[in-house]
Amino acid sequence: MTAAVKHEDQPVRTTKVSRKNQVTLPVAALREAGVAAGDVLRVEVEAPGVFRLVRAHDPWWELFQKFQGSNLGITTREELEEMRDEWDR
């Protein structure tokens, strides 16, 4: 292993913009922010070279969480997305 190996006690907090303008966010930063795979983030520009990522408001997900456990026939975010796809047809 090299010195570039990430350690949980010292999380790496940098990333590089790819040729396709993509970045990978450090796992430690995602955990700390409470952001998970599938979350939609809004990108705000604070100043030149400064971005802010904010979890996008999802009224459907909030409604789902409100009625969660009331036997709507859906139990996961994936099932909610499938139901949305059916509505779009």
PDB file of N, CA and C in Angstrom:
ATOM      1  N   MET A   1       0.833  -1.184   0.000  1.00  0.00           N
ATOM      2  CA  MET A   1       0.000   0.000   0.000  1.00  0.00           C
ATOM      3  C   MET A   1       0.872   1.240   0.000  1.00  0.00           C
ATOM      4  N   THR A   2       0.288   2.295  -0.517  1.00  0.00           N
ATOM      5  CA  THR A   2       1.032   3.547  -0.584  1.00  0.00           C
ATOM      6  C   THR A   2       0.530   4.536   0.455  1.00  0.00           C
ATOM      7  N   ALA A   3       1.166   5.675   0.536  1.00  0.00           N
ATOM      8  CA  ALA A   3       0.771   6.710   1.485  1.00  0.00           C
ATOM      9  C   ALA A   3      -0.580   7.318   1.131  1.00  0.00           C
ATOM     10  N   ALA A   4      -1.071   7.072  -0.093  1.00  0.00           N
ATOM     11  CA  ALA A   4      -2.345   7.640  -0.529  1.00  0.00           C
ATOM     12  C   ALA A   4      -3.555   6.851  -0.011  1.00  0.00           C
ATOM     13  N   VAL A   5      -3.329   5.770   0.723  1.00  0.00           N
ATOM     14  CA  VAL A   5      -4.415   4.956   1.254  1.00  0.00           C
ATOM     15  C   VAL A   5      -5.188   5.771   2.283  1.00  0.00           C
ATOM     16  N   LYS A   6      -6.525   5.706   2.217  1.00  0.00           N
ATOM     17  CA  LYS A   6      -7.365   6.459   3.135  1.00  0.00           C
ATOM     18  C   LYS A   6      -7.474   5.718   4.457  1.00  0.00           C
ATOM     19  N   HIS A   7      -7.470   6.455   5.536  1.00  0.00           N
ATOM     20  CA  HIS A   7      -7.651   5.891   6.866  1.00  0.00           C
ATOM     21  C   HIS A   7      -8.861   6.551   7.495  1.00  0.00           C
ATOM     22  N   GLU A   8      -9.687   5.760   8.195  1.00  0.00           N
ATOM     23  CA  GLU A   8     -10.902   6.292   8.807  1.00  0.00           C
ATOM     24  C   GLU A   8     -10.606   7.376   9.835  1.00  0.00           C
ATOM     25  N   ASP A   9      -9.493   7.259  10.583  1.00  0.00           N
ATOM     26  CA  ASP A   9      -9.200   8.253  11.604  1.00  0.00           C
ATOM     27  C   ASP A   9      -8.687   9.561  11.011  1.00  0.00           C
ATOM     28  N   GLN A  10      -8.236   9.535   9.757  1.00  0.00           N
ATOM     29  CA  GLN A  10      -7.768  10.728   9.062  1.00  0.00           C
ATOM     30  C   GLN A  10      -8.360  10.742   7.655  1.00  0.00           C
ATOM     31  N   PRO A  11      -9.665  11.081   7.545  1.00  0.00           N
ATOM     32  CA  PRO A  11     -10.306  11.013   6.233  1.00  0.00           C
ATOM     33  C   PRO A  11      -9.715  12.023   5.251  1.00  0.00           C
ATOM     34  N   VAL A  12      -9.578  11.611   4.021  1.00  0.00           N
ATOM     35  CA  VAL A  12      -9.109  12.483   2.961  1.00  0.00           C
ATOM     36  C   VAL A  12     -10.288  13.358   2.541  1.00  0.00           C
ATOM     37  N   ARG A  13     -10.100  14.655   2.521  1.00  0.00           N
ATOM     38  CA  ARG A  13     -11.191  15.574   2.219  1.00  0.00           C
ATOM     39  C   ARG A  13     -10.963  16.328   0.914  1.00  0.00           C
ATOM     40  N   THR A  14     -10.279  15.713  -0.034  1.00  0.00           N
ATOM     41  CA  THR A  14     -10.059  16.360  -1.326  1.00  0.00           C
ATOM     42  C   THR A  14     -10.599  15.461  -2.428  1.00  0.00           C
ATOM     43  N   THR A  15     -10.837  16.061  -3.575  1.00  0.00           N
ATOM     44  CA  THR A  15     -11.282  15.332  -4.755  1.00  0.00           C
ATOM     45  C   THR A  15     -10.763  16.074  -5.975  1.00  0.00           C
ATOM     46  N   LYS A  16     -10.871  15.455  -7.111  1.00  0.00           N
ATOM     47  CA  LYS A  16     -10.361  16.045  -8.342  1.00  0.00           C
ATOM     48  C   LYS A  16     -11.481  16.065  -9.376  1.00  0.00           C
ATOM     49  N   VAL A  17     -11.586  17.151 -10.123  1.00  0.00           N
ATOM     50  CA  VAL A  17     -12.591  17.248 -11.183  1.00  0.00           C
ATOM     51  C   VAL A  17     -12.087  16.462 -12.388  1.00  0.00           C
ATOM     52  N   SER A  18     -12.914  15.527 -12.870  1.00  0.00           N
ATOM     53  CA  SER A  18     -12.518  14.694 -14.009  1.00  0.00           C
ATOM     54  C   SER A  18     -12.718  15.449 -15.319  1.00  0.00           C
ATOM     55  N   ARG A  19     -12.292  14.842 -16.401  1.00  0.00           N
ATOM     56  CA  ARG A  19     -12.474  15.443 -17.722  1.00  0.00           C
ATOM     57  C   ARG A  19     -13.953  15.603 -18.058  1.00  0.00           C
ATOM     58  N   LYS A  20     -14.790  14.796 -17.433  1.00  0.00           N
ATOM     59  CA  LYS A  20     -16.239  14.870 -17.653  1.00  0.00           C
ATOM     60  C   LYS A  20     -16.915  15.767 -16.605  1.00  0.00           C
ATOM     61  N   ASN A  21     -16.118  16.561 -15.901  1.00  0.00           N
ATOM     62  CA  ASN A  21     -16.613  17.468 -14.860  1.00  0.00           C
ATOM     63  C   ASN A  21     -17.287  16.732 -13.707  1.00  0.00           C
ATOM     64  N   GLN A  22     -16.809  15.537 -13.401  1.00  0.00           N
ATOM     65  CA  GLN A  22     -17.357  14.756 -12.299  1.00  0.00           C
ATOM     66  C   GLN A  22     -16.392  14.788 -11.119  1.00  0.00           C
ATOM     67  N   VAL A  23     -16.964  14.682  -9.908  1.00  0.00           N
ATOM     68  CA  VAL A  23     -16.153  14.586  -8.705  1.00  0.00           C
ATOM     69  C   VAL A  23     -16.688  13.437  -7.855  1.00  0.00           C
ATOM     70  N   THR A  24     -15.820  12.851  -7.056  1.00  0.00           N
ATOM     71  CA  THR A  24     -16.204  11.823  -6.099  1.00  0.00           C
ATOM     72  C   THR A  24     -16.059  12.446  -4.722  1.00  0.00           C
ATOM     73  N   LEU A  25     -17.135  12.386  -3.946  1.00  0.00           N
ATOM     74  CA  LEU A  25     -17.098  12.980  -2.612  1.00  0.00           C
ATOM     75  C   LEU A  25     -16.543  11.974  -1.621  1.00  0.00           C
ATOM     76  N   PRO A  26     -15.693  12.419  -0.707  1.00  0.00           N
ATOM     77  CA  PRO A  26     -15.106  11.519   0.282  1.00  0.00           C
ATOM     78  C   PRO A  26     -16.184  10.891   1.172  1.00  0.00           C
ATOM     79  N   VAL A  27     -16.062   9.594   1.421  1.00  0.00           N
ATOM     80  CA  VAL A  27     -17.034   8.853   2.221  1.00  0.00           C
ATOM     81  C   VAL A  27     -17.194   9.472   3.601  1.00  0.00           C
ATOM     82  N   ALA A  28     -16.101   9.856   4.233  1.00  0.00           N
ATOM     83  CA  ALA A  28     -16.179  10.443   5.572  1.00  0.00           C
ATOM     84  C   ALA A  28     -17.014  11.725   5.561  1.00  0.00           C
ATOM     85  N   ALA A  29     -16.870  12.536   4.532  1.00  0.00           N
ATOM     86  CA  ALA A  29     -17.634  13.778   4.439  1.00  0.00           C
ATOM     87  C   ALA A  29     -19.115  13.473   4.223  1.00  0.00           C
ATOM     88  N   LEU A  30     -19.413  12.470   3.397  1.00  0.00           N
ATOM     89  CA  LEU A  30     -20.809  12.080   3.160  1.00  0.00           C
ATOM     90  C   LEU A  30     -21.458  11.587   4.448  1.00  0.00           C
ATOM     91  N   ARG A  31     -20.731  10.744   5.182  1.00  0.00           N
ATOM     92  CA  ARG A  31     -21.263  10.234   6.451  1.00  0.00           C
ATOM     93  C   ARG A  31     -21.529  11.376   7.426  1.00  0.00           C
ATOM     94  N   GLU A  32     -20.576  12.275   7.535  1.00  0.00           N
ATOM     95  CA  GLU A  32     -20.701  13.396   8.469  1.00  0.00           C
ATOM     96  C   GLU A  32     -21.893  14.282   8.117  1.00  0.00           C
ATOM     97  N   ALA A  33     -22.162  14.448   6.822  1.00  0.00           N
ATOM     98  CA  ALA A  33     -23.272  15.284   6.362  1.00  0.00           C
ATOM     99  C   ALA A  33     -24.600  14.539   6.345  1.00  0.00           C
ATOM    100  N   GLY A  34     -24.558  13.219   6.544  1.00  0.00           N
ATOM    101  CA  GLY A  34     -25.790  12.437   6.517  1.00  0.00           C
ATOM    102  C   GLY A  34     -26.346  12.262   5.119  1.00  0.00           C
ATOM    103  N   VAL A  35     -25.469  12.261   4.124  1.00  0.00           N
ATOM    104  CA  VAL A  35     -25.866  12.098   2.732  1.00  0.00           C
ATOM    105  C   VAL A  35     -25.573  10.669   2.307  1.00  0.00           C
ATOM    106  N   ALA A  36     -26.525  10.062   1.596  1.00  0.00           N
ATOM    107  CA  ALA A  36     -26.379   8.668   1.184  1.00  0.00           C
ATOM    108  C   ALA A  36     -26.584   8.533  -0.318  1.00  0.00           C
ATOM    109  N   ALA A  37     -26.230   7.366  -0.831  1.00  0.00           N
ATOM    110  CA  ALA A  37     -26.432   7.066  -2.250  1.00  0.00           C
ATOM    111  C   ALA A  37     -27.901   7.263  -2.596  1.00  0.00           C
ATOM    112  N   GLY A  38     -28.156   7.906  -3.715  1.00  0.00           N
ATOM    113  CA  GLY A  38     -29.524   8.144  -4.145  1.00  0.00           C
ATOM    114  C   GLY A  38     -30.058   9.516  -3.752  1.00  0.00           C
ATOM    115  N   ASP A  39     -29.411  10.182  -2.789  1.00  0.00           N
ATOM    116  CA  ASP A  39     -29.845  11.525  -2.412  1.00  0.00           C
ATOM    117  C   ASP A  39     -29.566  12.484  -3.570  1.00  0.00           C
ATOM    118  N   VAL A  40     -30.459  13.419  -3.773  1.00  0.00           N
ATOM    119  CA  VAL A  40     -30.283  14.430  -4.814  1.00  0.00           C
ATOM    120  C   VAL A  40     -29.743  15.688  -4.144  1.00  0.00           C
ATOM    121  N   LEU A  41     -28.664  16.215  -4.702  1.00  0.00           N
ATOM    122  CA  LEU A  41     -28.030  17.406  -4.139  1.00  0.00           C
ATOM    123  C   LEU A  41     -28.132  18.565  -5.119  1.00  0.00           C
ATOM    124  N   ARG A  42     -28.416  19.739  -4.595  1.00  0.00           N
ATOM    125  CA  ARG A  42     -28.439  20.954  -5.394  1.00  0.00           C
ATOM    126  C   ARG A  42     -27.067  21.619  -5.236  1.00  0.00           C
ATOM    127  N   VAL A  43     -26.502  22.107  -6.339  1.00  0.00           N
ATOM    128  CA  VAL A  43     -25.190  22.762  -6.308  1.00  0.00           C
ATOM    129  C   VAL A  43     -25.397  24.264  -6.334  1.00  0.00           C
ATOM    130  N   GLU A  44     -24.870  24.933  -5.321  1.00  0.00           N
ATOM    131  CA  GLU A  44     -24.929  26.389  -5.242  1.00  0.00           C
ATOM    132  C   GLU A  44     -23.514  26.937  -5.303  1.00  0.00           C
ATOM    133  N   VAL A  45     -23.325  28.031  -6.034  1.00  0.00           N
ATOM    134  CA  VAL A  45     -22.014  28.675  -6.120  1.00  0.00           C
ATOM    135  C   VAL A  45     -22.000  29.793  -5.090  1.00  0.00           C
ATOM    136  N   GLU A  46     -21.085  29.678  -4.136  1.00  0.00           N
ATOM    137  CA  GLU A  46     -20.959  30.670  -3.066  1.00  0.00           C
ATOM    138  C   GLU A  46     -20.056  31.823  -3.476  1.00  0.00           C
ATOM    139  N   ALA A  47     -18.973  31.501  -4.172  1.00  0.00           N
ATOM    140  CA  ALA A  47     -17.979  32.486  -4.614  1.00  0.00           C
ATOM    141  C   ALA A  47     -17.115  31.784  -5.655  1.00  0.00           C
ATOM    142  N   PRO A  48     -16.269  32.515  -6.357  1.00  0.00           N
ATOM    143  CA  PRO A  48     -15.381  31.847  -7.315  1.00  0.00           C
ATOM    144  C   PRO A  48     -14.588  30.733  -6.629  1.00  0.00           C
ATOM    145  N   GLY A  49     -14.747  29.506  -7.139  1.00  0.00           N
ATOM    146  CA  GLY A  49     -14.037  28.358  -6.586  1.00  0.00           C
ATOM    147  C   GLY A  49     -14.671  27.753  -5.352  1.00  0.00           C
ATOM    148  N   VAL A  50     -15.837  28.261  -4.937  1.00  0.00           N
ATOM    149  CA  VAL A  50     -16.493  27.749  -3.725  1.00  0.00           C
ATOM    150  C   VAL A  50     -17.899  27.279  -4.074  1.00  0.00           C
ATOM    151  N   PHE A  51     -18.154  25.987  -3.831  1.00  0.00           N
ATOM    152  CA  PHE A  51     -19.464  25.401  -4.082  1.00  0.00           C
ATOM    153  C   PHE A  51     -20.078  24.957  -2.764  1.00  0.00           C
ATOM    154  N   ARG A  52     -21.385  24.879  -2.756  1.00  0.00           N
ATOM    155  CA  ARG A  52     -22.114  24.357  -1.604  1.00  0.00           C
ATOM    156  C   ARG A  52     -23.091  23.323  -2.122  1.00  0.00           C
ATOM    157  N   LEU A  53     -23.076  22.124  -1.538  1.00  0.00           N
ATOM    158  CA  LEU A  53     -24.009  21.070  -1.913  1.00  0.00           C
ATOM    159  C   LEU A  53     -25.096  21.005  -0.843  1.00  0.00           C
ATOM    160  N   VAL A  54     -26.354  21.047  -1.284  1.00  0.00           N
ATOM    161  CA  VAL A  54     -27.482  21.032  -0.370  1.00  0.00           C
ATOM    162  C   VAL A  54     -28.445  19.940  -0.814  1.00  0.00           C
ATOM    163  N   ARG A  55     -28.887  19.119   0.140  1.00  0.00           N
ATOM    164  CA  ARG A  55     -29.853  18.075  -0.206  1.00  0.00           C
ATOM    165  C   ARG A  55     -31.095  18.752  -0.776  1.00  0.00           C
ATOM    166  N   ALA A  56     -31.502  18.312  -1.958  1.00  0.00           N
ATOM    167  CA  ALA A  56     -32.660  18.895  -2.625  1.00  0.00           C
ATOM    168  C   ALA A  56     -33.935  18.492  -1.907  1.00  0.00           C
ATOM    169  N   HIS A  57     -34.868  19.396  -1.857  1.00  0.00           N
ATOM    170  CA  HIS A  57     -36.174  19.151  -1.247  1.00  0.00           C
ATOM    171  C   HIS A  57     -36.943  18.179  -2.133  1.00  0.00           C
ATOM    172  N   ASP A  58     -37.453  17.120  -1.565  1.00  0.00           N
ATOM    173  CA  ASP A  58     -38.209  16.114  -2.314  1.00  0.00           C
ATOM    174  C   ASP A  58     -39.567  15.928  -1.638  1.00  0.00           C
ATOM    175  N   PRO A  59     -40.588  16.668  -2.089  1.00  0.00           N
ATOM    176  CA  PRO A  59     -41.888  16.585  -1.426  1.00  0.00           C
ATOM    177  C   PRO A  59     -42.500  15.190  -1.463  1.00  0.00           C
ATOM    178  N   TRP A  60     -42.224  14.428  -2.520  1.00  0.00           N
ATOM    179  CA  TRP A  60     -42.774  13.062  -2.599  1.00  0.00           C
ATOM    180  C   TRP A  60     -42.164  12.180  -1.513  1.00  0.00           C
ATOM    181  N   TRP A  61     -40.857  12.296  -1.301  1.00  0.00           N
ATOM    182  CA  TRP A  61     -40.188  11.488  -0.275  1.00  0.00           C
ATOM    183  C   TRP A  61     -40.684  11.882   1.112  1.00  0.00           C
ATOM    184  N   GLU A  62     -40.870  13.165   1.326  1.00  0.00           N
ATOM    185  CA  GLU A  62     -41.377  13.621   2.620  1.00  0.00           C
ATOM    186  C   GLU A  62     -42.792  13.109   2.868  1.00  0.00           C
ATOM    187  N   LEU A  63     -43.628  13.106   1.833  1.00  0.00           N
ATOM    188  CA  LEU A  63     -44.980  12.567   1.956  1.00  0.00           C
ATOM    189  C   LEU A  63     -44.924  11.070   2.239  1.00  0.00           C
ATOM    190  N   PHE A  64     -44.030  10.371   1.544  1.00  0.00           N
ATOM    191  CA  PHE A  64     -43.855   8.930   1.780  1.00  0.00           C
ATOM    192  C   PHE A  64     -43.470   8.668   3.233  1.00  0.00           C
ATOM    193  N   GLN A  65     -42.522   9.447   3.748  1.00  0.00           N
ATOM    194  CA  GLN A  65     -42.091   9.262   5.129  1.00  0.00           C
ATOM    195  C   GLN A  65     -43.225   9.541   6.113  1.00  0.00           C
ATOM    196  N   LYS A  66     -44.073  10.500   5.779  1.00  0.00           N
ATOM    197  CA  LYS A  66     -45.208  10.826   6.651  1.00  0.00           C
ATOM    198  C   LYS A  66     -46.153   9.627   6.781  1.00  0.00           C
ATOM    199  N   PHE A  67     -46.378   8.925   5.663  1.00  0.00           N
ATOM    200  CA  PHE A  67     -47.314   7.804   5.655  1.00  0.00           C
ATOM    201  C   PHE A  67     -46.640   6.448   5.780  1.00  0.00           C
ATOM    202  N   GLN A  68     -45.346   6.438   5.991  1.00  0.00           N
ATOM    203  CA  GLN A  68     -44.601   5.184   6.116  1.00  0.00           C
ATOM    204  C   GLN A  68     -45.208   4.328   7.236  1.00  0.00           C
ATOM    205  N   GLY A  69     -45.412   3.060   6.935  1.00  0.00           N
ATOM    206  CA  GLY A  69     -45.974   2.154   7.925  1.00  0.00           C
ATOM    207  C   GLY A  69     -47.488   2.112   7.901  1.00  0.00           C
ATOM    208  N   SER A  70     -48.119   2.882   7.014  1.00  0.00           N
ATOM    209  CA  SER A  70     -49.584   2.881   6.967  1.00  0.00           C
ATOM    210  C   SER A  70     -50.112   1.979   5.858  1.00  0.00           C
ATOM    211  N   ASN A  71     -49.294   0.989   5.456  1.00  0.00           N
ATOM    212  CA  ASN A  71     -49.702  -0.041   4.505  1.00  0.00           C
ATOM    213  C   ASN A  71     -50.081   0.518   3.136  1.00  0.00           C
ATOM    214  N   LEU A  72     -49.209   1.361   2.577  1.00  0.00           N
ATOM    215  CA  LEU A  72     -49.423   1.879   1.228  1.00  0.00           C
ATOM    216  C   LEU A  72     -48.931   0.909   0.158  1.00  0.00           C
ATOM    217  N   GLY A  73     -48.258  -0.154   0.591  1.00  0.00           N
ATOM    218  CA  GLY A  73     -47.741  -1.125  -0.366  1.00  0.00           C
ATOM    219  C   GLY A  73     -46.336  -0.818  -0.843  1.00  0.00           C
ATOM    220  N   ILE A  74     -45.708   0.226  -0.320  1.00  0.00           N
ATOM    221  CA  ILE A  74     -44.326   0.551  -0.653  1.00  0.00           C
ATOM    222  C   ILE A  74     -43.548   0.692   0.648  1.00  0.00           C
ATOM    223  N   THR A  75     -42.319   0.217   0.628  1.00  0.00           N
ATOM    224  CA  THR A  75     -41.534   0.233   1.856  1.00  0.00           C
ATOM    225  C   THR A  75     -40.143   0.834   1.688  1.00  0.00           C
ATOM    226  N   THR A  76     -39.705   1.053   0.459  1.00  0.00           N
ATOM    227  CA  THR A  76     -38.358   1.586   0.247  1.00  0.00           C
ATOM    228  C   THR A  76     -38.395   2.748  -0.740  1.00  0.00           C
ATOM    229  N   ARG A  77     -37.319   3.511  -0.767  1.00  0.00           N
ATOM    230  CA  ARG A  77     -37.206   4.620  -1.718  1.00  0.00           C
ATOM    231  C   ARG A  77     -37.249   4.091  -3.156  1.00  0.00           C
ATOM    232  N   GLU A  78     -36.657   2.900  -3.388  1.00  0.00           N
ATOM    233  CA  GLU A  78     -36.658   2.313  -4.732  1.00  0.00           C
ATOM    234  C   GLU A  78     -38.081   2.013  -5.190  1.00  0.00           C
ATOM    235  N   GLU A  79     -38.911   1.491  -4.283  1.00  0.00           N
ATOM    236  CA  GLU A  79     -40.302   1.215  -4.633  1.00  0.00           C
ATOM    237  C   GLU A  79     -41.055   2.514  -4.922  1.00  0.00           C
ATOM    238  N   LEU A  80     -40.745   3.567  -4.185  1.00  0.00           N
ATOM    239  CA  LEU A  80     -41.357   4.865  -4.441  1.00  0.00           C
ATOM    240  C   LEU A  80     -40.962   5.356  -5.832  1.00  0.00           C
ATOM    241  N   GLU A  81     -39.690   5.213  -6.195  1.00  0.00           N
ATOM    242  CA  GLU A  81     -39.230   5.624  -7.524  1.00  0.00           C
ATOM    243  C   GLU A  81     -39.924   4.823  -8.622  1.00  0.00           C
ATOM    244  N   GLU A  82     -40.112   3.513  -8.413  1.00  0.00           N
ATOM    245  CA  GLU A  82     -40.822   2.686  -9.390  1.00  0.00           C
ATOM    246  C   GLU A  82     -42.249   3.180  -9.571  1.00  0.00           C
ATOM    247  N   MET A  83     -42.905   3.531  -8.463  1.00  0.00           N
ATOM    248  CA  MET A  83     -44.271   4.033  -8.537  1.00  0.00           C
ATOM    249  C   MET A  83     -44.304   5.355  -9.298  1.00  0.00           C
ATOM    250  N   ARG A  84     -43.333   6.223  -9.065  1.00  0.00           N
ATOM    251  CA  ARG A  84     -43.258   7.487  -9.798  1.00  0.00           C
ATOM    252  C   ARG A  84     -43.113   7.234 -11.295  1.00  0.00           C
ATOM    253  N   ASP A  85     -42.260   6.253 -11.652  1.00  0.00           N
ATOM    254  CA  ASP A  85     -42.049   5.932 -13.061  1.00  0.00           C
ATOM    255  C   ASP A  85     -43.358   5.487 -13.714  1.00  0.00           C
ATOM    256  N   GLU A  86     -44.170   4.740 -12.983  1.00  0.00           N
ATOM    257  CA  GLU A  86     -45.463   4.302 -13.513  1.00  0.00           C
ATOM    258  C   GLU A  86     -46.370   5.506 -13.755  1.00  0.00           C
ATOM    259  N   TRP A  87     -46.323   6.510 -12.875  1.00  0.00           N
ATOM    260  CA  TRP A  87     -47.168   7.694 -13.041  1.00  0.00           C
ATOM    261  C   TRP A  87     -46.770   8.478 -14.279  1.00  0.00           C
ATOM    262  N   ASP A  88     -45.485   8.454 -14.635  1.00  0.00           N
ATOM    263  CA  ASP A  88     -44.999   9.213 -15.781  1.00  0.00           C
ATOM    264  C   ASP A  88     -45.412   8.606 -17.116  1.00  0.00           C
ATOM    265  N   ARG A  89     -45.820   7.347 -17.110  1.00  0.00           N
ATOM    266  CA  ARG A  89     -46.180   6.686 -18.377  1.00  0.00           C
ATOM    267  C   ARG A  89     -47.511   7.136 -18.889  1.00  0.00           C
TER     268      ARG A  89
END
